[in-house]
Amino acid sequence: MASSAPGSERLILPVPRLSEAGSLVMSEMSPSRQRPCVLIDAFKADRISRADLPELVHFAWTYDDSPTSDVGEPAWMDLFEHVGFFTHPPVQISRPRSPITLYRGTTADRLMRMSWA
């Protein structure tokens, strides 16, 4: 699909469809002001397939200003370890083979908090 700038194109990547169970959890998360809590509760109750987790984690983490406020870091770490490496949107990229340095901007009060990158 061409954009308005001459010679530039936008790449549109498909996002896999959620299963029926994943769609149900997404519908519970959407109106909630505590998306991370809804996600972690559904994960702990084994209501989410592994294939649905990347989309749901993305939604809960990126649409919440402070996703670790109501859900502690240990719960997020359990979830991230279960999900494993993924990209959003899904692209064909392999997991880094060695540690890489990432930089992020933050405020002083969030300096020691988690960052998902």
PDB file of N, CA and C in Angstrom:
ATOM      1  N   MET A   1       0.846  -1.162   0.000  1.00  0.00           N
ATOM      2  CA  MET A   1       0.000   0.000   0.000  1.00  0.00           C
ATOM      3  C   MET A   1       0.895   1.229   0.000  1.00  0.00           C
ATOM      4  N   ALA A   2       0.682   2.124  -0.901  1.00  0.00           N
ATOM      5  CA  ALA A   2       1.516   3.320  -1.026  1.00  0.00           C
ATOM      6  C   ALA A   2       1.040   4.393  -0.063  1.00  0.00           C
ATOM      7  N   SER A   3       1.982   5.136   0.490  1.00  0.00           N
ATOM      8  CA  SER A   3       1.624   6.246   1.368  1.00  0.00           C
ATOM      9  C   SER A   3       1.594   7.517   0.541  1.00  0.00           C
ATOM     10  N   SER A   4       1.331   8.630   1.173  1.00  0.00           N
ATOM     11  CA  SER A   4       1.218   9.884   0.445  1.00  0.00           C
ATOM     12  C   SER A   4       2.561  10.426  -0.028  1.00  0.00           C
ATOM     13  N   ALA A   5       3.662  10.036   0.603  1.00  0.00           N
ATOM     14  CA  ALA A   5       4.977  10.513   0.191  1.00  0.00           C
ATOM     15  C   ALA A   5       5.443   9.734  -1.033  1.00  0.00           C
ATOM     16  N   PRO A   6       5.866  10.441  -2.077  1.00  0.00           N
ATOM     17  CA  PRO A   6       6.319   9.744  -3.281  1.00  0.00           C
ATOM     18  C   PRO A   6       7.504   8.827  -2.975  1.00  0.00           C
ATOM     19  N   GLY A   7       7.420   7.611  -3.493  1.00  0.00           N
ATOM     20  CA  GLY A   7       8.519   6.666  -3.361  1.00  0.00           C
ATOM     21  C   GLY A   7       8.566   5.925  -2.038  1.00  0.00           C
ATOM     22  N   SER A   8       7.669   6.210  -1.125  1.00  0.00           N
ATOM     23  CA  SER A   8       7.669   5.484   0.157  1.00  0.00           C
ATOM     24  C   SER A   8       6.467   4.561   0.205  1.00  0.00           C
ATOM     25  N   GLU A   9       6.618   3.476   0.928  1.00  0.00           N
ATOM     26  CA  GLU A   9       5.536   2.504   1.077  1.00  0.00           C
ATOM     27  C   GLU A   9       5.379   2.151   2.540  1.00  0.00           C
ATOM     28  N   ARG A  10       4.164   1.812   2.922  1.00  0.00           N
ATOM     29  CA  ARG A  10       3.917   1.344   4.275  1.00  0.00           C
ATOM     30  C   ARG A  10       3.792  -0.169   4.213  1.00  0.00           C
ATOM     31  N   LEU A  11       4.428  -0.814   5.136  1.00  0.00           N
ATOM     32  CA  LEU A  11       4.353  -2.258   5.228  1.00  0.00           C
ATOM     33  C   LEU A  11       3.251  -2.617   6.207  1.00  0.00           C
ATOM     34  N   ILE A  12       2.295  -3.396   5.747  1.00  0.00           N
ATOM     35  CA  ILE A  12       1.210  -3.835   6.609  1.00  0.00           C
ATOM     36  C   ILE A  12       1.444  -5.300   6.943  1.00  0.00           C
ATOM     37  N   LEU A  13       1.596  -5.571   8.226  1.00  0.00           N
ATOM     38  CA  LEU A  13       1.866  -6.929   8.681  1.00  0.00           C
ATOM     39  C   LEU A  13       0.615  -7.521   9.309  1.00  0.00           C
ATOM     40  N   PRO A  14       0.272  -8.732   8.925  1.00  0.00           N
ATOM     41  CA  PRO A  14      -0.909  -9.356   9.528  1.00  0.00           C
ATOM     42  C   PRO A  14      -0.627  -9.791  10.960  1.00  0.00           C
ATOM     43  N   VAL A  15      -1.602  -9.644  11.806  1.00  0.00           N
ATOM     44  CA  VAL A  15      -1.511 -10.130  13.175  1.00  0.00           C
ATOM     45  C   VAL A  15      -2.388 -11.373  13.250  1.00  0.00           C
ATOM     46  N   PRO A  16      -1.847 -12.479  13.757  1.00  0.00           N
ATOM     47  CA  PRO A  16      -2.650 -13.709  13.818  1.00  0.00           C
ATOM     48  C   PRO A  16      -3.951 -13.495  14.583  1.00  0.00           C
ATOM     49  N   ARG A  17      -4.991 -14.178  14.138  1.00  0.00           N
ATOM     50  CA  ARG A  17      -6.286 -14.090  14.811  1.00  0.00           C
ATOM     51  C   ARG A  17      -6.208 -14.778  16.166  1.00  0.00           C
ATOM     52  N   LEU A  18      -6.920 -14.220  17.114  1.00  0.00           N
ATOM     53  CA  LEU A  18      -7.019 -14.842  18.431  1.00  0.00           C
ATOM     54  C   LEU A  18      -7.995 -16.015  18.369  1.00  0.00           C
ATOM     55  N   SER A  19      -7.749 -17.004  19.200  1.00  0.00           N
ATOM     56  CA  SER A  19      -8.695 -18.106  19.331  1.00  0.00           C
ATOM     57  C   SER A  19      -9.957 -17.576  20.014  1.00  0.00           C
ATOM     58  N   GLU A  20     -10.965 -18.407  20.113  1.00  0.00           N
ATOM     59  CA  GLU A  20     -12.201 -18.000  20.786  1.00  0.00           C
ATOM     60  C   GLU A  20     -11.911 -17.627  22.243  1.00  0.00           C
ATOM     61  N   ALA A  21     -11.091 -18.443  22.912  1.00  0.00           N
ATOM     62  CA  ALA A  21     -10.745 -18.156  24.314  1.00  0.00           C
ATOM     63  C   ALA A  21      -9.930 -16.862  24.414  1.00  0.00           C
ATOM     64  N   GLY A  22      -8.996 -16.660  23.490  1.00  0.00           N
ATOM     65  CA  GLY A  22      -8.198 -15.439  23.491  1.00  0.00           C
ATOM     66  C   GLY A  22      -9.056 -14.210  23.225  1.00  0.00           C
ATOM     67  N   SER A  23     -10.021 -14.341  22.318  1.00  0.00           N
ATOM     68  CA  SER A  23     -10.939 -13.236  22.029  1.00  0.00           C
ATOM     69  C   SER A  23     -11.780 -12.894  23.253  1.00  0.00           C
ATOM     70  N   LEU A  24     -12.170 -13.912  24.003  1.00  0.00           N
ATOM     71  CA  LEU A  24     -12.946 -13.679  25.217  1.00  0.00           C
ATOM     72  C   LEU A  24     -12.118 -12.895  26.244  1.00  0.00           C
ATOM     73  N   VAL A  25     -10.864 -13.291  26.432  1.00  0.00           N
ATOM     74  CA  VAL A  25      -9.994 -12.565  27.370  1.00  0.00           C
ATOM     75  C   VAL A  25      -9.767 -11.143  26.873  1.00  0.00           C
ATOM     76  N   MET A  26      -9.574 -10.958  25.570  1.00  0.00           N
ATOM     77  CA  MET A  26      -9.408  -9.605  25.013  1.00  0.00           C
ATOM     78  C   MET A  26     -10.655  -8.768  25.280  1.00  0.00           C
ATOM     79  N   SER A  27     -11.834  -9.369  25.140  1.00  0.00           N
ATOM     80  CA  SER A  27     -13.064  -8.614  25.390  1.00  0.00           C
ATOM     81  C   SER A  27     -13.207  -8.257  26.871  1.00  0.00           C
ATOM     82  N   GLU A  28     -12.633  -9.065  27.751  1.00  0.00           N
ATOM     83  CA  GLU A  28     -12.638  -8.737  29.178  1.00  0.00           C
ATOM     84  C   GLU A  28     -11.625  -7.642  29.487  1.00  0.00           C
ATOM     85  N   MET A  29     -10.504  -7.664  28.781  1.00  0.00           N
ATOM     86  CA  MET A  29      -9.457  -6.673  29.008  1.00  0.00           C
ATOM     87  C   MET A  29      -9.828  -5.298  28.462  1.00  0.00           C
ATOM     88  N   SER A  30     -10.504  -5.258  27.316  1.00  0.00           N
ATOM     89  CA  SER A  30     -10.761  -3.993  26.623  1.00  0.00           C
ATOM     90  C   SER A  30     -11.406  -2.914  27.490  1.00  0.00           C
ATOM     91  N   PRO A  31     -12.502  -3.201  28.179  1.00  0.00           N
ATOM     92  CA  PRO A  31     -13.118  -2.132  28.976  1.00  0.00           C
ATOM     93  C   PRO A  31     -12.471  -1.948  30.351  1.00  0.00           C
ATOM     94  N   SER A  32     -11.600  -2.855  30.730  1.00  0.00           N
ATOM     95  CA  SER A  32     -11.037  -2.837  32.077  1.00  0.00           C
ATOM     96  C   SER A  32      -9.995  -1.737  32.243  1.00  0.00           C
ATOM     97  N   ARG A  33      -9.959  -1.182  33.414  1.00  0.00           N
ATOM     98  CA  ARG A  33      -8.894  -0.229  33.749  1.00  0.00           C
ATOM     99  C   ARG A  33      -7.710  -0.966  34.372  1.00  0.00           C
ATOM    100  N   GLN A  34      -7.830  -2.283  34.474  1.00  0.00           N
ATOM    101  CA  GLN A  34      -6.755  -3.112  35.030  1.00  0.00           C
ATOM    102  C   GLN A  34      -6.461  -4.269  34.076  1.00  0.00           C
ATOM    103  N   ARG A  35      -6.107  -3.929  32.843  1.00  0.00           N
ATOM    104  CA  ARG A  35      -5.835  -4.952  31.827  1.00  0.00           C
ATOM    105  C   ARG A  35      -4.793  -5.966  32.282  1.00  0.00           C
ATOM    106  N   PRO A  36      -3.685  -5.522  32.889  1.00  0.00           N
ATOM    107  CA  PRO A  36      -2.703  -6.513  33.332  1.00  0.00           C
ATOM    108  C   PRO A  36      -3.276  -7.527  34.328  1.00  0.00           C
ATOM    109  N   CYS A  37      -4.139  -7.072  35.245  1.00  0.00           N
ATOM    110  CA  CYS A  37      -4.746  -7.992  36.214  1.00  0.00           C
ATOM    111  C   CYS A  37      -5.619  -9.019  35.505  1.00  0.00           C
ATOM    112  N   VAL A  38      -6.412  -8.576  34.544  1.00  0.00           N
ATOM    113  CA  VAL A  38      -7.277  -9.487  33.798  1.00  0.00           C
ATOM    114  C   VAL A  38      -6.420 -10.518  33.065  1.00  0.00           C
ATOM    115  N   LEU A  39      -5.346 -10.058  32.427  1.00  0.00           N
ATOM    116  CA  LEU A  39      -4.459 -10.968  31.692  1.00  0.00           C
ATOM    117  C   LEU A  39      -3.802 -11.981  32.623  1.00  0.00           C
ATOM    118  N   ILE A  40      -3.227 -11.524  33.711  1.00  0.00           N
ATOM    119  CA  ILE A  40      -2.526 -12.429  34.633  1.00  0.00           C
ATOM    120  C   ILE A  40      -3.506 -13.424  35.247  1.00  0.00           C
ATOM    121  N   ASP A  41      -4.692 -12.979  35.606  1.00  0.00           N
ATOM    122  CA  ASP A  41      -5.696 -13.894  36.165  1.00  0.00           C
ATOM    123  C   ASP A  41      -6.074 -14.970  35.149  1.00  0.00           C
ATOM    124  N   ALA A  42      -6.278 -14.571  33.894  1.00  0.00           N
ATOM    125  CA  ALA A  42      -6.632 -15.546  32.843  1.00  0.00           C
ATOM    126  C   ALA A  42      -5.470 -16.504  32.589  1.00  0.00           C
ATOM    127  N   PHE A  43      -4.249 -15.986  32.635  1.00  0.00           N
ATOM    128  CA  PHE A  43      -3.061 -16.826  32.444  1.00  0.00           C
ATOM    129  C   PHE A  43      -2.944 -17.849  33.567  1.00  0.00           C
ATOM    130  N   LYS A  44      -3.095 -17.398  34.811  1.00  0.00           N
ATOM    131  CA  LYS A  44      -2.992 -18.300  35.964  1.00  0.00           C
ATOM    132  C   LYS A  44      -4.094 -19.354  35.961  1.00  0.00           C
ATOM    133  N   ALA A  45      -5.256 -19.003  35.405  1.00  0.00           N
ATOM    134  CA  ALA A  45      -6.379 -19.938  35.332  1.00  0.00           C
ATOM    135  C   ALA A  45      -6.278 -20.838  34.095  1.00  0.00           C
ATOM    136  N   ASP A  46      -5.199 -20.692  33.336  1.00  0.00           N
ATOM    137  CA  ASP A  46      -4.949 -21.499  32.129  1.00  0.00           C
ATOM    138  C   ASP A  46      -6.070 -21.346  31.098  1.00  0.00           C
ATOM    139  N   ARG A  47      -6.542 -20.110  30.931  1.00  0.00           N
ATOM    140  CA  ARG A  47      -7.605 -19.810  29.972  1.00  0.00           C
ATOM    141  C   ARG A  47      -7.070 -19.318  28.636  1.00  0.00           C
ATOM    142  N   ILE A  48      -5.739 -19.171  28.517  1.00  0.00           N
ATOM    143  CA  ILE A  48      -5.155 -18.583  27.312  1.00  0.00           C
ATOM    144  C   ILE A  48      -4.181 -19.571  26.682  1.00  0.00           C
ATOM    145  N   SER A  49      -4.280 -19.748  25.373  1.00  0.00           N
ATOM    146  CA  SER A  49      -3.321 -20.606  24.681  1.00  0.00           C
ATOM    147  C   SER A  49      -2.015 -19.842  24.491  1.00  0.00           C
ATOM    148  N   ARG A  50      -0.947 -20.575  24.345  1.00  0.00           N
ATOM    149  CA  ARG A  50       0.364 -19.962  24.130  1.00  0.00           C
ATOM    150  C   ARG A  50       0.358 -19.096  22.871  1.00  0.00           C
ATOM    151  N   ALA A  51      -0.383 -19.521  21.837  1.00  0.00           N
ATOM    152  CA  ALA A  51      -0.440 -18.768  20.581  1.00  0.00           C
ATOM    153  C   ALA A  51      -1.113 -17.403  20.757  1.00  0.00           C
ATOM    154  N   ASP A  52      -2.028 -17.284  21.719  1.00  0.00           N
ATOM    155  CA  ASP A  52      -2.730 -16.019  21.948  1.00  0.00           C
ATOM    156  C   ASP A  52      -1.948 -15.051  22.829  1.00  0.00           C
ATOM    157  N   LEU A  53      -1.003 -15.555  23.580  1.00  0.00           N
ATOM    158  CA  LEU A  53      -0.314 -14.716  24.564  1.00  0.00           C
ATOM    159  C   LEU A  53       0.400 -13.490  23.982  1.00  0.00           C
ATOM    160  N   PRO A  54       1.136 -13.600  22.878  1.00  0.00           N
ATOM    161  CA  PRO A  54       1.814 -12.390  22.390  1.00  0.00           C
ATOM    162  C   PRO A  54       0.868 -11.214  22.142  1.00  0.00           C
ATOM    163  N   GLU A  55      -0.249 -11.455  21.503  1.00  0.00           N
ATOM    164  CA  GLU A  55      -1.202 -10.373  21.230  1.00  0.00           C
ATOM    165  C   GLU A  55      -1.783  -9.818  22.526  1.00  0.00           C
ATOM    166  N   LEU A  56      -2.109 -10.686  23.457  1.00  0.00           N
ATOM    167  CA  LEU A  56      -2.706 -10.243  24.720  1.00  0.00           C
ATOM    168  C   LEU A  56      -1.689  -9.531  25.601  1.00  0.00           C
ATOM    169  N   VAL A  57      -0.452 -10.010  25.642  1.00  0.00           N
ATOM    170  CA  VAL A  57       0.603  -9.332  26.406  1.00  0.00           C
ATOM    171  C   VAL A  57       0.841  -7.943  25.831  1.00  0.00           C
ATOM    172  N   HIS A  58       0.933  -7.864  24.518  1.00  0.00           N
ATOM    173  CA  HIS A  58       1.119  -6.559  23.862  1.00  0.00           C
ATOM    174  C   HIS A  58       0.017  -5.589  24.277  1.00  0.00           C
ATOM    175  N   PHE A  59      -1.223  -6.037  24.222  1.00  0.00           N
ATOM    176  CA  PHE A  59      -2.359  -5.178  24.556  1.00  0.00           C
ATOM    177  C   PHE A  59      -2.320  -4.747  26.021  1.00  0.00           C
ATOM    178  N   ALA A  60      -2.052  -5.673  26.906  1.00  0.00           N
ATOM    179  CA  ALA A  60      -2.042  -5.346  28.336  1.00  0.00           C
ATOM    180  C   ALA A  60      -0.864  -4.448  28.702  1.00  0.00           C
ATOM    181  N   TRP A  61       0.305  -4.727  28.137  1.00  0.00           N
ATOM    182  CA  TRP A  61       1.513  -3.996  28.537  1.00  0.00           C
ATOM    183  C   TRP A  61       1.577  -2.608  27.919  1.00  0.00           C
ATOM    184  N   THR A  62       1.296  -2.495  26.630  1.00  0.00           N
ATOM    185  CA  THR A  62       1.505  -1.209  25.954  1.00  0.00           C
ATOM    186  C   THR A  62       0.356  -0.226  26.120  1.00  0.00           C
ATOM    187  N   TYR A  63      -0.819  -0.695  26.505  1.00  0.00           N
ATOM    188  CA  TYR A  63      -1.939   0.217  26.694  1.00  0.00           C
ATOM    189  C   TYR A  63      -2.199   0.520  28.159  1.00  0.00           C
ATOM    190  N   ASP A  64      -1.221   0.298  28.996  1.00  0.00           N
ATOM    191  CA  ASP A  64      -1.318   0.610  30.413  1.00  0.00           C
ATOM    192  C   ASP A  64      -0.095   1.446  30.762  1.00  0.00           C
ATOM    193  N   ASP A  65      -0.295   2.588  31.366  1.00  0.00           N
ATOM    194  CA  ASP A  65       0.826   3.478  31.668  1.00  0.00           C
ATOM    195  C   ASP A  65       1.807   2.863  32.656  1.00  0.00           C
ATOM    196  N   SER A  66       1.320   2.026  33.540  1.00  0.00           N
ATOM    197  CA  SER A  66       2.174   1.422  34.549  1.00  0.00           C
ATOM    198  C   SER A  66       1.723  -0.016  34.799  1.00  0.00           C
ATOM    199  N   PRO A  67       2.049  -0.935  33.870  1.00  0.00           N
ATOM    200  CA  PRO A  67       1.530  -2.297  33.972  1.00  0.00           C
ATOM    201  C   PRO A  67       2.013  -3.092  35.175  1.00  0.00           C
ATOM    202  N   THR A  68       3.036  -2.625  35.874  1.00  0.00           N
ATOM    203  CA  THR A  68       3.498  -3.358  37.056  1.00  0.00           C
ATOM    204  C   THR A  68       2.930  -2.783  38.359  1.00  0.00           C
ATOM    205  N   SER A  69       2.052  -1.800  38.263  1.00  0.00           N
ATOM    206  CA  SER A  69       1.483  -1.216  39.483  1.00  0.00           C
ATOM    207  C   SER A  69       0.549  -2.181  40.198  1.00  0.00           C
ATOM    208  N   ASP A  70      -0.345  -2.819  39.445  1.00  0.00           N
ATOM    209  CA  ASP A  70      -1.316  -3.726  40.057  1.00  0.00           C
ATOM    210  C   ASP A  70      -0.909  -5.186  39.957  1.00  0.00           C
ATOM    211  N   VAL A  71       0.045  -5.467  39.111  1.00  0.00           N
ATOM    212  CA  VAL A  71       0.568  -6.823  38.936  1.00  0.00           C
ATOM    213  C   VAL A  71       2.069  -6.737  39.181  1.00  0.00           C
ATOM    214  N   GLY A  72       2.549  -7.500  40.120  1.00  0.00           N
ATOM    215  CA  GLY A  72       3.965  -7.425  40.478  1.00  0.00           C
ATOM    216  C   GLY A  72       4.889  -7.980  39.406  1.00  0.00           C
ATOM    217  N   GLU A  73       6.133  -7.580  39.499  1.00  0.00           N
ATOM    218  CA  GLU A  73       7.138  -8.038  38.541  1.00  0.00           C
ATOM    219  C   GLU A  73       7.287  -9.555  38.506  1.00  0.00           C
ATOM    220  N   PRO A  74       7.219 -10.274  39.643  1.00  0.00           N
ATOM    221  CA  PRO A  74       7.334 -11.739  39.572  1.00  0.00           C
ATOM    222  C   PRO A  74       6.250 -12.378  38.692  1.00  0.00           C
ATOM    223  N   ALA A  75       5.027 -11.864  38.752  1.00  0.00           N
ATOM    224  CA  ALA A  75       3.949 -12.412  37.912  1.00  0.00           C
ATOM    225  C   ALA A  75       4.232 -12.143  36.438  1.00  0.00           C
ATOM    226  N   TRP A  76       4.713 -10.943  36.121  1.00  0.00           N
ATOM    227  CA  TRP A  76       5.074 -10.634  34.732  1.00  0.00           C
ATOM    228  C   TRP A  76       6.225 -11.526  34.263  1.00  0.00           C
ATOM    229  N   MET A  77       7.214 -11.718  35.125  1.00  0.00           N
ATOM    230  CA  MET A  77       8.359 -12.555  34.731  1.00  0.00           C
ATOM    231  C   MET A  77       7.909 -13.982  34.428  1.00  0.00           C
ATOM    232  N   ASP A  78       7.001 -14.529  35.244  1.00  0.00           N
ATOM    233  CA  ASP A  78       6.461 -15.869  34.969  1.00  0.00           C
ATOM    234  C   ASP A  78       5.788 -15.901  33.603  1.00  0.00           C
ATOM    235  N   LEU A  79       4.992 -14.878  33.326  1.00  0.00           N
ATOM    236  CA  LEU A  79       4.287 -14.817  32.050  1.00  0.00           C
ATOM    237  C   LEU A  79       5.270 -14.683  30.889  1.00  0.00           C
ATOM    238  N   PHE A  80       6.237 -13.770  31.006  1.00  0.00           N
ATOM    239  CA  PHE A  80       7.216 -13.581  29.927  1.00  0.00           C
ATOM    240  C   PHE A  80       8.036 -14.849  29.694  1.00  0.00           C
ATOM    241  N   GLU A  81       8.398 -15.555  30.754  1.00  0.00           N
ATOM    242  CA  GLU A  81       9.140 -16.803  30.587  1.00  0.00           C
ATOM    243  C   GLU A  81       8.290 -17.850  29.864  1.00  0.00           C
ATOM    244  N   HIS A  82       7.000 -17.879  30.148  1.00  0.00           N
ATOM    245  CA  HIS A  82       6.102 -18.824  29.477  1.00  0.00           C
ATOM    246  C   HIS A  82       5.926 -18.477  28.001  1.00  0.00           C
ATOM    247  N   VAL A  83       5.763 -17.199  27.706  1.00  0.00           N
ATOM    248  CA  VAL A  83       5.554 -16.761  26.326  1.00  0.00           C
ATOM    249  C   VAL A  83       6.815 -17.001  25.492  1.00  0.00           C
ATOM    250  N   GLY A  84       7.969 -16.667  26.047  1.00  0.00           N
ATOM    251  CA  GLY A  84       9.205 -16.782  25.280  1.00  0.00           C
ATOM    252  C   GLY A  84       9.391 -15.581  24.364  1.00  0.00           C
ATOM    253  N   PHE A  85      10.319 -15.693  23.447  1.00  0.00           N
ATOM    254  CA  PHE A  85      10.652 -14.600  22.535  1.00  0.00           C
ATOM    255  C   PHE A  85       9.539 -14.414  21.507  1.00  0.00           C
ATOM    256  N   PHE A  86       9.104 -13.175  21.325  1.00  0.00           N
ATOM    257  CA  PHE A  86       8.157 -12.862  20.255  1.00  0.00           C
ATOM    258  C   PHE A  86       8.306 -11.405  19.866  1.00  0.00           C
ATOM    259  N   THR A  87       7.817 -11.073  18.696  1.00  0.00           N
ATOM    260  CA  THR A  87       7.786  -9.692  18.245  1.00  0.00           C
ATOM    261  C   THR A  87       6.338  -9.305  18.007  1.00  0.00           C
ATOM    262  N   HIS A  88       6.063  -8.036  18.130  1.00  0.00           N
ATOM    263  CA  HIS A  88       4.725  -7.540  17.824  1.00  0.00           C
ATOM    264  C   HIS A  88       4.845  -6.232  17.078  1.00  0.00           C
ATOM    265  N   PRO A  89       4.289  -6.151  15.879  1.00  0.00           N
ATOM    266  CA  PRO A  89       3.597  -7.221  15.179  1.00  0.00           C
ATOM    267  C   PRO A  89       4.579  -8.330  14.814  1.00  0.00           C
ATOM    268  N   PRO A  90       4.031  -9.510  14.532  1.00  0.00           N
ATOM    269  CA  PRO A  90       4.896 -10.652  14.223  1.00  0.00           C
ATOM    270  C   PRO A  90       5.711 -10.406  12.955  1.00  0.00           C
ATOM    271  N   VAL A  91       7.001 -10.517  13.071  1.00  0.00           N
ATOM    272  CA  VAL A  91       7.900 -10.414  11.919  1.00  0.00           C
ATOM    273  C   VAL A  91       8.890 -11.570  11.985  1.00  0.00           C
ATOM    274  N   GLN A  92       9.452 -11.899  10.858  1.00  0.00           N
ATOM    275  CA  GLN A  92      10.428 -12.980  10.811  1.00  0.00           C
ATOM    276  C   GLN A  92      11.779 -12.444  11.269  1.00  0.00           C
ATOM    277  N   ILE A  93      12.062 -12.607  12.526  1.00  0.00           N
ATOM    278  CA  ILE A  93      13.329 -12.189  13.117  1.00  0.00           C
ATOM    279  C   ILE A  93      13.687 -13.239  14.154  1.00  0.00           C
ATOM    280  N   SER A  94      14.932 -13.567  14.223  1.00  0.00           N
ATOM    281  CA  SER A  94      15.325 -14.593  15.180  1.00  0.00           C
ATOM    282  C   SER A  94      15.709 -13.957  16.517  1.00  0.00           C
ATOM    283  N   ARG A  95      15.616 -14.769  17.542  1.00  0.00           N
ATOM    284  CA  ARG A  95      15.980 -14.333  18.882  1.00  0.00           C
ATOM    285  C   ARG A  95      17.473 -14.009  18.903  1.00  0.00           C
ATOM    286  N   PRO A  96      17.877 -12.917  19.541  1.00  0.00           N
ATOM    287  CA  PRO A  96      19.308 -12.613  19.632  1.00  0.00           C
ATOM    288  C   PRO A  96      20.065 -13.773  20.268  1.00  0.00           C
ATOM    289  N   ARG A  97      21.243 -14.048  19.760  1.00  0.00           N
ATOM    290  CA  ARG A  97      22.046 -15.177  20.266  1.00  0.00           C
ATOM    291  C   ARG A  97      22.904 -14.803  21.463  1.00  0.00           C
ATOM    292  N   SER A  98      23.053 -13.523  21.687  1.00  0.00           N
ATOM    293  CA  SER A  98      23.837 -13.067  22.838  1.00  0.00           C
ATOM    294  C   SER A  98      23.157 -11.807  23.383  1.00  0.00           C
ATOM    295  N   PRO A  99      23.490 -11.430  24.606  1.00  0.00           N
ATOM    296  CA  PRO A  99      22.870 -10.233  25.180  1.00  0.00           C
ATOM    297  C   PRO A  99      23.148  -9.000  24.326  1.00  0.00           C
ATOM    298  N   ILE A 100      22.169  -8.118  24.275  1.00  0.00           N
ATOM    299  CA  ILE A 100      22.335  -6.839  23.586  1.00  0.00           C
ATOM    300  C   ILE A 100      21.981  -5.726  24.563  1.00  0.00           C
ATOM    301  N   THR A 101      22.536  -4.564  24.352  1.00  0.00           N
ATOM    302  CA  THR A 101      22.263  -3.417  25.206  1.00  0.00           C
ATOM    303  C   THR A 101      21.125  -2.614  24.603  1.00  0.00           C
ATOM    304  N   LEU A 102      20.114  -2.360  25.415  1.00  0.00           N
ATOM    305  CA  LEU A 102      18.984  -1.534  25.008  1.00  0.00           C
ATOM    306  C   LEU A 102      18.941  -0.314  25.910  1.00  0.00           C
ATOM    307  N   TYR A 103      18.555   0.801  25.353  1.00  0.00           N
ATOM    308  CA  TYR A 103      18.421   2.027  26.125  1.00  0.00           C
ATOM    309  C   TYR A 103      16.959   2.438  26.110  1.00  0.00           C
ATOM    310  N   ARG A 104      16.519   2.995  27.219  1.00  0.00           N
ATOM    311  CA  ARG A 104      15.146   3.481  27.277  1.00  0.00           C
ATOM    312  C   ARG A 104      15.109   4.771  28.068  1.00  0.00           C
ATOM    313  N   GLY A 105      14.163   5.608  27.745  1.00  0.00           N
ATOM    314  CA  GLY A 105      13.953   6.821  28.508  1.00  0.00           C
ATOM    315  C   GLY A 105      12.968   6.526  29.632  1.00  0.00           C
ATOM    316  N   THR A 106      13.130   7.190  30.735  1.00  0.00           N
ATOM    317  CA  THR A 106      12.222   6.993  31.858  1.00  0.00           C
ATOM    318  C   THR A 106      12.270   8.196  32.772  1.00  0.00           C
ATOM    319  N   THR A 107      11.382   8.218  33.714  1.00  0.00           N
ATOM    320  CA  THR A 107      11.407   9.252  34.738  1.00  0.00           C
ATOM    321  C   THR A 107      12.154   8.693  35.946  1.00  0.00           C
ATOM    322  N   ALA A 108      12.602   9.565  36.826  1.00  0.00           N
ATOM    323  CA  ALA A 108      13.403   9.136  37.974  1.00  0.00           C
ATOM    324  C   ALA A 108      12.657   8.130  38.850  1.00  0.00           C
ATOM    325  N   ASP A 109      11.345   8.306  39.018  1.00  0.00           N
ATOM    326  CA  ASP A 109      10.596   7.400  39.892  1.00  0.00           C
ATOM    327  C   ASP A 109      10.395   6.017  39.268  1.00  0.00           C
ATOM    328  N   ARG A 110      10.652   5.883  37.978  1.00  0.00           N
ATOM    329  CA  ARG A 110      10.497   4.582  37.310  1.00  0.00           C
ATOM    330  C   ARG A 110      11.833   3.989  36.869  1.00  0.00           C
ATOM    331  N   LEU A 111      12.896   4.551  37.360  1.00  0.00           N
ATOM    332  CA  LEU A 111      14.228   4.146  36.926  1.00  0.00           C
ATOM    333  C   LEU A 111      14.506   2.661  37.112  1.00  0.00           C
ATOM    334  N   MET A 112      14.065   2.076  38.195  1.00  0.00           N
ATOM    335  CA  MET A 112      14.385   0.679  38.491  1.00  0.00           C
ATOM    336  C   MET A 112      13.217  -0.271  38.179  1.00  0.00           C
ATOM    337  N   ARG A 113      12.272   0.163  37.376  1.00  0.00           N
ATOM    338  CA  ARG A 113      11.124  -0.680  37.055  1.00  0.00           C
ATOM    339  C   ARG A 113      11.371  -1.446  35.761  1.00  0.00           C
ATOM    340  N   MET A 114      10.502  -2.413  35.518  1.00  0.00           N
ATOM    341  CA  MET A 114      10.628  -3.255  34.335  1.00  0.00           C
ATOM    342  C   MET A 114      10.432  -2.464  33.045  1.00  0.00           C
ATOM    343  N   SER A 115      11.062  -2.947  32.000  1.00  0.00           N
ATOM    344  CA  SER A 115      10.856  -2.418  30.669  1.00  0.00           C
ATOM    345  C   SER A 115      10.748  -3.595  29.720  1.00  0.00           C
ATOM    346  N   TRP A 116       9.746  -3.596  28.892  1.00  0.00           N
ATOM    347  CA  TRP A 116       9.567  -4.684  27.940  1.00  0.00           C
ATOM    348  C   TRP A 116      10.065  -4.198  26.592  1.00  0.00           C
ATOM    349  N   ALA A 117      11.159  -4.760  26.152  1.00  0.00           N
ATOM    350  CA  ALA A 117      11.702  -4.368  24.847  1.00  0.00           C
ATOM    351  C   ALA A 117      12.297  -5.583  24.178  1.00  0.00           C
TER     352      ALA A 117
END
